[in-house]
Amino acid sequence: MKSVAEPALHPLYLAVREYLEIKQRVLILNERCRVFLDLAAILADHIADSNITSQSSMFLLYTSVILDANLFDNRNYVDYHYTYSSFDHGYSWRSHVAI
């Protein structure tokens, strides 16, 4: 429900708005907000790139640790089963393989 006083105050509202330079202030404020949004986008991209880089390096480190553990385990398995079980036959598995 509109009041009767609103149409009478409209010229006053326009005069105050012009006096306070609301339109120019809004444009400046919008420009500054765009700058902050651009900065936030740049920071978000940087954080995402850093996060992906750290995740990739953690994945590579984890994979290399697993591979090293498997190679060590396989070498111990081969050393144990082929070296000691071959003693009965007079030869060692290591004597046939250059490591």
C-alpha atoms as a PDB file:
ATOM      1  CA  MET A   1       0.000   0.000   0.000  1.00  0.00           C
ATOM      2  CA  LYS A   2       1.574   3.260  -1.134  1.00  0.00           C
ATOM      3  CA  SER A   3       1.413   6.309   1.023  1.00  0.00           C
ATOM      4  CA  VAL A   4       0.240   9.679  -0.287  1.00  0.00           C
ATOM      5  CA  ALA A   5       3.540  11.354   0.684  1.00  0.00           C
ATOM      6  CA  GLU A   6       5.734   9.327  -1.702  1.00  0.00           C
ATOM      7  CA  PRO A   7       5.015  11.316  -4.887  1.00  0.00           C
ATOM      8  CA  ALA A   8       5.618  14.547  -3.015  1.00  0.00           C
ATOM      9  CA  LEU A   9       9.019  13.367  -1.756  1.00  0.00           C
ATOM     10  CA  HIS A  10      10.255  12.132  -5.135  1.00  0.00           C
ATOM     11  CA  PRO A  11      11.796  15.506  -6.214  1.00  0.00           C
ATOM     12  CA  LEU A  12      13.537  15.716  -2.831  1.00  0.00           C
ATOM     13  CA  TYR A  13      14.851  12.182  -3.267  1.00  0.00           C
ATOM     14  CA  LEU A  14      16.236  13.064  -6.712  1.00  0.00           C
ATOM     15  CA  ALA A  15      17.869  16.235  -5.377  1.00  0.00           C
ATOM     16  CA  VAL A  16      19.556  14.388  -2.483  1.00  0.00           C
ATOM     17  CA  ARG A  17      20.660  11.617  -4.810  1.00  0.00           C
ATOM     18  CA  GLU A  18      22.216  14.132  -7.196  1.00  0.00           C
ATOM     19  CA  TYR A  19      23.827  16.042  -4.320  1.00  0.00           C
ATOM     20  CA  LEU A  20      25.408  12.896  -2.848  1.00  0.00           C
ATOM     21  CA  GLU A  21      26.542  11.764  -6.319  1.00  0.00           C
ATOM     22  CA  ILE A  22      25.072   8.310  -5.749  1.00  0.00           C
ATOM     23  CA  LYS A  23      25.394   7.262  -9.399  1.00  0.00           C
ATOM     24  CA  GLN A  24      29.147   7.993  -9.527  1.00  0.00           C
ATOM     25  CA  ARG A  25      29.726   6.354  -6.149  1.00  0.00           C
ATOM     26  CA  VAL A  26      27.869   3.227  -7.260  1.00  0.00           C
ATOM     27  CA  LEU A  27      29.991   3.027 -10.423  1.00  0.00           C
ATOM     28  CA  ILE A  28      33.208   3.385  -8.405  1.00  0.00           C
ATOM     29  CA  LEU A  29      32.048   0.826  -5.859  1.00  0.00           C
ATOM     30  CA  ASN A  30      31.137  -1.614  -8.641  1.00  0.00           C
ATOM     31  CA  GLU A  31      34.575  -1.133 -10.222  1.00  0.00           C
ATOM     32  CA  ARG A  32      36.276  -1.852  -6.903  1.00  0.00           C
ATOM     33  CA  CYS A  33      34.125  -4.943  -6.405  1.00  0.00           C
ATOM     34  CA  ARG A  34      35.166  -6.174  -9.866  1.00  0.00           C
ATOM     35  CA  VAL A  35      38.814  -5.747  -8.863  1.00  0.00           C
ATOM     36  CA  PHE A  36      38.223  -7.776  -5.690  1.00  0.00           C
ATOM     37  CA  LEU A  37      36.400 -10.466  -7.677  1.00  0.00           C
ATOM     38  CA  ASP A  38      39.311 -10.664 -10.130  1.00  0.00           C
ATOM     39  CA  LEU A  39      41.742 -10.950  -7.223  1.00  0.00           C
ATOM     40  CA  ALA A  40      39.625 -13.699  -5.657  1.00  0.00           C
ATOM     41  CA  ALA A  41      39.568 -15.579  -8.985  1.00  0.00           C
ATOM     42  CA  ILE A  42      43.351 -15.302  -9.315  1.00  0.00           C
ATOM     43  CA  LEU A  43      43.848 -16.535  -5.741  1.00  0.00           C
ATOM     44  CA  ALA A  44      41.404 -19.413  -6.290  1.00  0.00           C
ATOM     45  CA  ASP A  45      43.297 -20.471  -9.440  1.00  0.00           C
ATOM     46  CA  HIS A  46      46.606 -20.265  -7.592  1.00  0.00           C
ATOM     47  CA  ILE A  47      45.293 -22.345  -4.697  1.00  0.00           C
ATOM     48  CA  ALA A  48      43.820 -24.902  -7.105  1.00  0.00           C
ATOM     49  CA  ASP A  49      47.138 -25.148  -9.004  1.00  0.00           C
ATOM     50  CA  SER A  50      49.086 -25.461  -5.758  1.00  0.00           C
ATOM     51  CA  ASN A  51      46.663 -28.084  -4.512  1.00  0.00           C
ATOM     52  CA  ILE A  52      46.949 -30.097  -7.730  1.00  0.00           C
ATOM     53  CA  THR A  53      50.731 -29.788  -7.654  1.00  0.00           C
ATOM     54  CA  SER A  54      50.929 -30.980  -4.060  1.00  0.00           C
ATOM     55  CA  GLN A  55      48.483 -33.809  -4.770  1.00  0.00           C
ATOM     56  CA  SER A  56      50.532 -34.863  -7.795  1.00  0.00           C
ATOM     57  CA  SER A  57      53.778 -34.835  -5.854  1.00  0.00           C
ATOM     58  CA  MET A  58      52.176 -36.772  -3.005  1.00  0.00           C
ATOM     59  CA  PHE A  59      50.860 -39.329  -5.512  1.00  0.00           C
ATOM     60  CA  LEU A  60      54.316 -39.699  -7.084  1.00  0.00           C
ATOM     61  CA  LEU A  61      55.965 -40.052  -3.679  1.00  0.00           C
ATOM     62  CA  TYR A  62      53.384 -42.605  -2.548  1.00  0.00           C
ATOM     63  CA  THR A  63      53.757 -44.568  -5.794  1.00  0.00           C
ATOM     64  CA  SER A  64      57.559 -44.596  -5.566  1.00  0.00           C
ATOM     65  CA  VAL A  65      57.433 -45.785  -1.949  1.00  0.00           C
ATOM     66  CA  ILE A  66      55.095 -48.619  -2.927  1.00  0.00           C
ATOM     67  CA  LEU A  67      57.293 -49.573  -5.890  1.00  0.00           C
ATOM     68  CA  ASP A  68      60.422 -49.511  -3.729  1.00  0.00           C
ATOM     69  CA  ALA A  69      58.728 -51.654  -1.087  1.00  0.00           C
ATOM     70  CA  ASN A  70      57.553 -54.150  -3.717  1.00  0.00           C
ATOM     71  CA  LEU A  71      60.969 -54.357  -5.361  1.00  0.00           C
ATOM     72  CA  PHE A  72      62.641 -54.864  -1.989  1.00  0.00           C
ATOM     73  CA  ASP A  73      60.099 -57.528  -1.051  1.00  0.00           C
ATOM     74  CA  ASN A  74      60.456 -59.309  -4.409  1.00  0.00           C
ATOM     75  CA  ARG A  75      64.243 -59.253  -4.186  1.00  0.00           C
ATOM     76  CA  ASN A  76      64.125 -60.714  -0.686  1.00  0.00           C
ATOM     77  CA  TYR A  77      61.694 -63.386  -1.899  1.00  0.00           C
ATOM     78  CA  VAL A  78      63.952 -64.322  -4.809  1.00  0.00           C
ATOM     79  CA  ASP A  79      67.071 -64.263  -2.645  1.00  0.00           C
ATOM     80  CA  TYR A  80      65.478 -66.468  -0.021  1.00  0.00           C
ATOM     81  CA  HIS A  81      63.757 -69.010  -2.249  1.00  0.00           C
ATOM     82  CA  TYR A  82      66.304 -69.357  -5.022  1.00  0.00           C
ATOM     83  CA  THR A  83      69.551 -68.977  -3.108  1.00  0.00           C
ATOM     84  CA  TYR A  84      68.845 -71.206  -0.127  1.00  0.00           C
ATOM     85  CA  SER A  85      66.823 -73.880  -1.928  1.00  0.00           C
ATOM     86  CA  SER A  86      69.532 -74.195  -4.581  1.00  0.00           C
ATOM     87  CA  PHE A  87      72.270 -75.039  -2.100  1.00  0.00           C
ATOM     88  CA  ASP A  88      71.309 -78.697  -2.332  1.00  0.00           C
ATOM     89  CA  HIS A  89      72.039 -78.686  -6.068  1.00  0.00           C
ATOM     90  CA  GLY A  90      75.458 -77.054  -5.762  1.00  0.00           C
ATOM     91  CA  TYR A  91      74.750 -73.695  -7.410  1.00  0.00           C
ATOM     92  CA  SER A  92      73.397 -70.364  -6.349  1.00  0.00           C
ATOM     93  CA  TRP A  93      70.849 -68.312  -8.212  1.00  0.00           C
ATOM     94  CA  ARG A  94      73.020 -65.224  -7.648  1.00  0.00           C
ATOM     95  CA  SER A  95      75.945 -66.799  -9.469  1.00  0.00           C
ATOM     96  CA  HIS A  96      73.900 -66.850 -12.697  1.00  0.00           C
ATOM     97  CA  VAL A  97      72.441 -63.344 -12.510  1.00  0.00           C
ATOM     98  CA  ALA A  98      74.423 -60.091 -12.626  1.00  0.00           C
ATOM     99  CA  ILE A  99      72.914 -57.563 -10.267  1.00  0.00           C
END
